[in-house]
Amino acid sequence: MVDFGNRLKTLRISNSMTQSELAAQLNITKSVISAYETGARLPSYSVLIGLAEIFHVTTDYLLGVEKRNELDLSGLSYEEKEAMFQLVQAIKHRSRPPFQ
């Protein structure tokens, strides 16, 4: 699953994170993150879910099942990225038809 590794690396870099920082958040080693990014290894379900939560994406996106447009948030602080995420969620929620 080369797509997974590429998506993970892209998300990590666009969020200005090192492999060590991401590994620390997931309670795993930097070498495991490296193995994910090179396609040498796939994550467990719990790590996959953790990655989705950290990067505010779906597990389907990480696995290459779901395609989506990406917004470049590089240069923004974590707090600014979080605010953008909340704004996008609010817009998605607002644009749903009632009683869906």
C-alpha atoms as a PDB file:
ATOM      1  CA  MET A   1       0.000   0.000   0.000  1.00  0.00           C
ATOM      2  CA  VAL A   2       2.303   2.707  -1.264  1.00  0.00           C
ATOM      3  CA  ASP A   3      -0.571   5.187  -1.216  1.00  0.00           C
ATOM      4  CA  PHE A   4      -0.832   4.879   2.555  1.00  0.00           C
ATOM      5  CA  GLY A   5       2.825   5.720   3.085  1.00  0.00           C
ATOM      6  CA  ASN A   6       2.689   8.677   0.708  1.00  0.00           C
ATOM      7  CA  ARG A   7      -0.499  10.021   2.268  1.00  0.00           C
ATOM      8  CA  LEU A   8       0.916   9.676   5.758  1.00  0.00           C
ATOM      9  CA  LYS A   9       4.152  11.427   4.841  1.00  0.00           C
ATOM     10  CA  THR A  10       2.272  14.232   3.067  1.00  0.00           C
ATOM     11  CA  LEU A  11      -0.027  14.752   6.048  1.00  0.00           C
ATOM     12  CA  ARG A  12       2.877  14.687   8.500  1.00  0.00           C
ATOM     13  CA  ILE A  13       4.937  17.191   6.535  1.00  0.00           C
ATOM     14  CA  SER A  14       1.985  19.494   5.831  1.00  0.00           C
ATOM     15  CA  ASN A  15       1.374  19.573   9.577  1.00  0.00           C
ATOM     16  CA  SER A  16       5.044  20.443  10.212  1.00  0.00           C
ATOM     17  CA  MET A  17       5.640  17.286  12.230  1.00  0.00           C
ATOM     18  CA  THR A  18       8.753  15.171  12.412  1.00  0.00           C
ATOM     19  CA  GLN A  19       8.571  11.402  12.437  1.00  0.00           C
ATOM     20  CA  SER A  20       9.672  11.521  16.080  1.00  0.00           C
ATOM     21  CA  GLU A  21       6.890  13.929  17.057  1.00  0.00           C
ATOM     22  CA  LEU A  22       4.248  11.809  15.350  1.00  0.00           C
ATOM     23  CA  ALA A  23       5.645   8.633  16.882  1.00  0.00           C
ATOM     24  CA  ALA A  24       5.518  10.186  20.355  1.00  0.00           C
ATOM     25  CA  GLN A  25       1.837  11.094  19.919  1.00  0.00           C
ATOM     26  CA  LEU A  26       1.065   7.502  18.934  1.00  0.00           C
ATOM     27  CA  ASN A  27       3.314   5.906  21.568  1.00  0.00           C
ATOM     28  CA  ILE A  28       5.387   4.101  18.937  1.00  0.00           C
ATOM     29  CA  THR A  29       8.941   4.520  17.634  1.00  0.00           C
ATOM     30  CA  LYS A  30      10.239   6.784  14.879  1.00  0.00           C
ATOM     31  CA  SER A  31      11.410   3.712  12.951  1.00  0.00           C
ATOM     32  CA  VAL A  32       7.829   2.419  12.822  1.00  0.00           C
ATOM     33  CA  ILE A  33       6.659   5.720  11.297  1.00  0.00           C
ATOM     34  CA  SER A  34       9.484   5.443   8.773  1.00  0.00           C
ATOM     35  CA  ALA A  35       8.405   1.889   7.905  1.00  0.00           C
ATOM     36  CA  TYR A  36       4.820   3.098   7.369  1.00  0.00           C
ATOM     37  CA  GLU A  37       5.979   5.908   5.088  1.00  0.00           C
ATOM     38  CA  THR A  38       8.168   3.625   2.973  1.00  0.00           C
ATOM     39  CA  GLY A  39       5.453   0.987   2.679  1.00  0.00           C
ATOM     40  CA  ALA A  40       7.472  -1.634   4.540  1.00  0.00           C
ATOM     41  CA  ARG A  41       4.801  -1.934   7.209  1.00  0.00           C
ATOM     42  CA  LEU A  42       1.106  -1.174   7.735  1.00  0.00           C
ATOM     43  CA  PRO A  43      -0.355   0.157  11.000  1.00  0.00           C
ATOM     44  CA  SER A  44      -2.564  -1.715  13.414  1.00  0.00           C
ATOM     45  CA  TYR A  45      -6.206  -0.670  13.604  1.00  0.00           C
ATOM     46  CA  SER A  46      -5.579   1.351  16.747  1.00  0.00           C
ATOM     47  CA  VAL A  47      -2.655   3.235  15.181  1.00  0.00           C
ATOM     48  CA  LEU A  48      -4.668   3.818  11.982  1.00  0.00           C
ATOM     49  CA  ILE A  49      -7.482   5.335  14.036  1.00  0.00           C
ATOM     50  CA  GLY A  50      -4.975   7.429  15.984  1.00  0.00           C
ATOM     51  CA  LEU A  51      -3.493   8.779  12.748  1.00  0.00           C
ATOM     52  CA  ALA A  52      -6.964   9.669  11.465  1.00  0.00           C
ATOM     53  CA  GLU A  53      -7.704  11.567  14.678  1.00  0.00           C
ATOM     54  CA  ILE A  54      -4.384  13.412  14.696  1.00  0.00           C
ATOM     55  CA  PHE A  55      -4.720  14.558  11.079  1.00  0.00           C
ATOM     56  CA  HIS A  56      -8.522  14.996  11.054  1.00  0.00           C
ATOM     57  CA  VAL A  57      -9.015  12.620   8.146  1.00  0.00           C
ATOM     58  CA  THR A  58     -10.921   9.383   7.735  1.00  0.00           C
ATOM     59  CA  THR A  59      -9.301   5.983   7.862  1.00  0.00           C
ATOM     60  CA  ASP A  60     -10.667   5.484   4.335  1.00  0.00           C
ATOM     61  CA  TYR A  61      -8.653   8.492   3.194  1.00  0.00           C
ATOM     62  CA  LEU A  62      -5.487   7.120   4.800  1.00  0.00           C
ATOM     63  CA  LEU A  63      -6.032   3.759   3.102  1.00  0.00           C
ATOM     64  CA  GLY A  64      -6.676   5.328  -0.304  1.00  0.00           C
ATOM     65  CA  VAL A  65     -10.356   4.365  -0.479  1.00  0.00           C
ATOM     66  CA  GLU A  66     -11.638   7.931  -0.201  1.00  0.00           C
ATOM     67  CA  LYS A  67     -10.378  10.725  -2.401  1.00  0.00           C
ATOM     68  CA  ARG A  68     -10.632  14.315  -1.283  1.00  0.00           C
ATOM     69  CA  ASN A  69      -9.420  17.772  -2.091  1.00  0.00           C
ATOM     70  CA  GLU A  70      -6.716  19.085   0.161  1.00  0.00           C
ATOM     71  CA  LEU A  71      -6.253  22.563   1.495  1.00  0.00           C
ATOM     72  CA  ASP A  72      -2.665  23.690   2.042  1.00  0.00           C
ATOM     73  CA  LEU A  73      -2.425  24.770   5.666  1.00  0.00           C
ATOM     74  CA  SER A  74       1.361  24.879   5.793  1.00  0.00           C
ATOM     75  CA  GLY A  75       2.664  27.837   7.726  1.00  0.00           C
ATOM     76  CA  LEU A  76      -0.311  27.875  10.097  1.00  0.00           C
ATOM     77  CA  SER A  77       0.044  27.099  13.786  1.00  0.00           C
ATOM     78  CA  TYR A  78      -1.622  24.050  15.281  1.00  0.00           C
ATOM     79  CA  GLU A  79      -4.297  26.310  16.771  1.00  0.00           C
ATOM     80  CA  GLU A  80      -4.968  27.966  13.401  1.00  0.00           C
ATOM     81  CA  LYS A  81      -5.217  24.568  11.691  1.00  0.00           C
ATOM     82  CA  GLU A  82      -7.614  23.397  14.385  1.00  0.00           C
ATOM     83  CA  ALA A  83      -9.760  26.521  13.837  1.00  0.00           C
ATOM     84  CA  MET A  84      -9.840  25.827  10.086  1.00  0.00           C
ATOM     85  CA  PHE A  85     -10.870  22.238  10.745  1.00  0.00           C
ATOM     86  CA  GLN A  86     -13.698  23.404  13.006  1.00  0.00           C
ATOM     87  CA  LEU A  87     -14.839  25.900  10.365  1.00  0.00           C
ATOM     88  CA  VAL A  88     -14.916  23.234   7.657  1.00  0.00           C
ATOM     89  CA  GLN A  89     -16.876  20.896   9.947  1.00  0.00           C
ATOM     90  CA  ALA A  90     -19.400  23.665  10.690  1.00  0.00           C
ATOM     91  CA  ILE A  91     -19.848  24.411   6.981  1.00  0.00           C
ATOM     92  CA  LYS A  92     -20.321  20.718   6.173  1.00  0.00           C
ATOM     93  CA  HIS A  93     -22.888  20.399   8.940  1.00  0.00           C
ATOM     94  CA  ARG A  94     -24.753  23.529   7.839  1.00  0.00           C
ATOM     95  CA  SER A  95     -24.969  22.477   4.200  1.00  0.00           C
ATOM     96  CA  ARG A  96     -26.663  19.148   4.932  1.00  0.00           C
ATOM     97  CA  PRO A  97     -30.379  18.987   4.211  1.00  0.00           C
ATOM     98  CA  PRO A  98     -32.524  19.004   7.369  1.00  0.00           C
ATOM     99  CA  PHE A  99     -33.480  15.654   8.906  1.00  0.00           C
ATOM    100  CA  GLN A 100     -30.708  13.762   7.195  1.00  0.00           C
END
